């Protein structure tokens, strides 16, 4: 995963710290809260503290890292489903999840094209953190990259 030139790395990285807030933005957006002001109001005090602390002088690379880490996390949640799902259904759910994330993050200064550039690394990260291997195995690297390209170039 790419980091900015000033990044101290690890848990001090702005992208790393901002990604949980991006996940909450995704959750709110996916639940129907699409207005940016309504989303800001819905964020809790901890989220606001993170934004205040880590969004000052943050580069676009950091916002991109935060968005991509959030996408990996929300796609990884698809593996938590108890149902038996086909590979085609899994690909369709991944497509819908990433498309929703793209829309939810549209007002943040991140590079959508990095979704394609870093798709192989994102897939590896997803596989490393998959909660249920039997479900994540149904999503091939080729299918994941194809979904990322379709969303980025739509």
Protein backbone atom coordinates (compact mmCIF):
# COMPACT_ATOMS: atom_id res chain seq x y z
CA UNK A 1 0.00 0.00 0.00
CA UNK A 2 1.42 3.36 -0.99
CA UNK A 3 2.13 6.02 1.61
CA UNK A 4 3.05 9.68 1.28
CA UNK A 5 6.68 10.79 1.49
CA UNK A 6 6.16 12.28 4.95
CA UNK A 7 4.40 9.24 6.41
CA UNK A 8 5.87 7.90 9.63
CA UNK A 9 4.20 4.58 8.84
CA UNK A 10 2.45 2.10 11.09
CA UNK A 11 -0.19 3.39 13.50
CA UNK A 12 0.95 7.02 13.20
CA UNK A 13 0.09 7.13 9.49
CA UNK A 14 -2.79 9.49 8.69
CA UNK A 15 -4.22 7.09 6.11
CA UNK A 16 -4.17 4.28 8.64
CA UNK A 17 -5.89 6.46 11.25
CA UNK A 18 -8.47 7.95 8.88
CA UNK A 19 -9.63 4.65 7.44
CA UNK A 20 -12.02 3.76 10.33
CA UNK A 21 -13.77 7.08 9.75
CA UNK A 22 -14.04 6.23 6.06
CA UNK A 23 -15.61 2.89 7.00
CA UNK A 24 -18.22 4.75 9.08
CA UNK A 25 -18.86 7.12 6.17
CA UNK A 26 -19.40 4.06 3.97
CA UNK A 27 -21.78 2.50 6.51
CA UNK A 28 -23.82 5.70 6.78
CA UNK A 29 -23.92 6.14 3.00
CA UNK A 30 -24.90 2.50 2.42
CA UNK A 31 -27.67 2.88 5.00
CA UNK A 32 -29.13 5.82 3.07
CA UNK A 33 -27.48 8.88 4.63
CA UNK A 34 -26.05 10.43 1.49
CA UNK A 35 -25.93 14.14 2.32
CA UNK A 36 -22.41 15.16 3.38
CA UNK A 37 -23.68 17.34 6.21
CA UNK A 38 -25.92 14.59 7.55
CA UNK A 39 -22.93 12.25 7.47
CA UNK A 40 -20.78 14.75 9.37
CA UNK A 41 -23.50 15.20 11.99
CA UNK A 42 -23.85 11.42 12.33
CA UNK A 43 -20.15 10.91 13.08
CA UNK A 44 -19.40 10.55 16.79
CA UNK A 45 -16.95 12.56 18.92
CA UNK A 46 -14.18 10.01 18.43
CA UNK A 47 -14.53 10.25 14.64
CA UNK A 48 -14.43 14.04 14.81
CA UNK A 49 -11.30 13.91 16.98
CA UNK A 50 -9.64 11.61 14.44
CA UNK A 51 -10.57 13.96 11.61
CA UNK A 52 -9.24 16.98 13.48
CA UNK A 53 -6.00 15.26 14.41
CA UNK A 54 -5.23 13.51 11.13
CA UNK A 55 -6.73 15.61 8.33
CA UNK A 56 -4.60 18.74 8.67
CA UNK A 57 -2.10 19.02 5.81
CA UNK A 58 -2.85 15.46 4.74
CA UNK A 59 -1.90 14.61 1.18
CA UNK A 60 -4.11 13.02 -1.40
CA UNK A 61 -1.99 9.89 -1.06
CA UNK A 62 -3.05 9.56 2.60
CA UNK A 63 -6.74 10.02 1.74
CA UNK A 64 -6.32 7.40 -0.98
CA UNK A 65 -4.74 4.98 1.47
CA UNK A 66 -7.58 5.57 3.94
CA UNK A 67 -10.21 4.98 1.24
CA UNK A 68 -8.53 1.83 -0.06
CA UNK A 69 -8.11 0.38 3.44
CA UNK A 70 -11.78 1.12 4.10
CA UNK A 71 -12.75 -0.64 0.87
CA UNK A 72 -10.76 -3.72 1.89
CA UNK A 73 -12.49 -3.73 5.26
CA UNK A 74 -16.03 -3.42 3.91
CA UNK A 75 -15.41 -6.00 1.18
CA UNK A 76 -13.94 -8.30 3.84
CA UNK A 77 -17.19 -8.09 5.75
CA UNK A 78 -18.91 -9.84 2.86
CA UNK A 79 -17.08 -12.98 3.97
CA UNK A 80 -18.96 -12.87 7.29
CA UNK A 81 -22.22 -13.98 5.72
CA UNK A 82 -23.44 -17.37 6.89
CA UNK A 83 -24.98 -18.33 3.59
CA UNK A 84 -23.38 -20.43 0.91
CA UNK A 85 -22.72 -18.07 -1.99
CA UNK A 86 -21.59 -18.75 -5.53
CA UNK A 87 -18.52 -17.15 -7.05
CA UNK A 88 -20.72 -15.08 -9.40
CA UNK A 89 -22.86 -13.82 -6.52
CA UNK A 90 -19.75 -12.97 -4.52
CA UNK A 91 -18.35 -10.99 -7.46
CA UNK A 92 -21.66 -9.12 -7.81
CA UNK A 93 -21.68 -8.25 -4.11
CA UNK A 94 -18.06 -7.07 -4.27
CA UNK A 95 -18.94 -4.91 -7.27
CA UNK A 96 -21.90 -3.34 -5.46
CA UNK A 97 -19.86 -2.79 -2.28
CA UNK A 98 -16.96 -1.09 -4.06
CA UNK A 99 -19.32 0.99 -6.19
CA UNK A 100 -21.10 2.17 -3.05
CA UNK A 101 -17.71 2.99 -1.48
CA UNK A 102 -16.73 4.98 -4.57
CA UNK A 103 -19.92 7.00 -4.29
CA UNK A 104 -19.58 7.43 -0.52
CA UNK A 105 -16.00 8.69 -0.84
CA UNK A 106 -16.67 10.96 -3.83
CA UNK A 107 -16.30 14.16 -1.75
CA UNK A 108 -12.93 13.11 -0.29
CA UNK A 109 -9.69 14.01 -2.09
CA UNK A 110 -8.62 10.48 -3.01
CA UNK A 111 -7.40 9.04 -6.31
CA UNK A 112 -9.96 6.63 -7.72
CA UNK A 113 -7.45 5.39 -10.30
CA UNK A 114 -5.38 3.95 -7.44
CA UNK A 115 -8.19 1.42 -7.00
CA UNK A 116 -6.95 -0.14 -10.24
CA UNK A 117 -3.23 0.50 -9.68
CA UNK A 118 -3.26 -1.10 -6.25
CA UNK A 119 -5.91 -3.77 -6.90
CA UNK A 120 -3.44 -6.69 -6.64
CA UNK A 121 -2.15 -5.39 -3.28
CA UNK A 122 -5.72 -4.81 -2.09
CA UNK A 123 -6.64 -8.35 -3.08
CA UNK A 124 -3.67 -9.73 -1.13
CA UNK A 125 -4.65 -7.65 1.90
CA UNK A 126 -8.22 -8.86 1.59
CA UNK A 127 -7.10 -12.47 1.44
CA UNK A 128 -4.81 -11.99 4.46
CA UNK A 129 -7.66 -10.53 6.55
CA UNK A 130 -10.56 -12.63 5.29
CA UNK A 131 -12.81 -13.76 8.16
CA UNK A 132 -13.96 -16.93 6.38
CA UNK A 133 -11.56 -18.45 3.88
CA UNK A 134 -14.15 -20.59 2.14
CA UNK A 135 -16.04 -17.48 1.08
CA UNK A 136 -13.02 -15.35 0.17
CA UNK A 137 -11.71 -18.22 -1.94
CA UNK A 138 -14.72 -17.68 -4.21
CA UNK A 139 -13.36 -14.31 -5.27
CA UNK A 140 -10.41 -14.72 -7.60
CA UNK A 141 -7.72 -12.10 -8.03
CA UNK A 142 -8.72 -11.73 -11.68
CA UNK A 143 -12.36 -11.13 -10.75
CA UNK A 144 -11.39 -8.60 -8.07
CA UNK A 145 -9.15 -6.64 -10.46
CA UNK A 146 -11.88 -6.77 -13.11
CA UNK A 147 -14.40 -5.30 -10.64
CA UNK A 148 -11.97 -2.54 -9.63
CA UNK A 149 -11.37 -1.62 -13.29
CA UNK A 150 -15.07 -1.61 -14.10
CA UNK A 151 -15.80 0.77 -11.23
CA UNK A 152 -12.84 3.08 -11.79
CA UNK A 153 -13.38 3.39 -15.52
CA UNK A 154 -17.21 3.53 -15.49
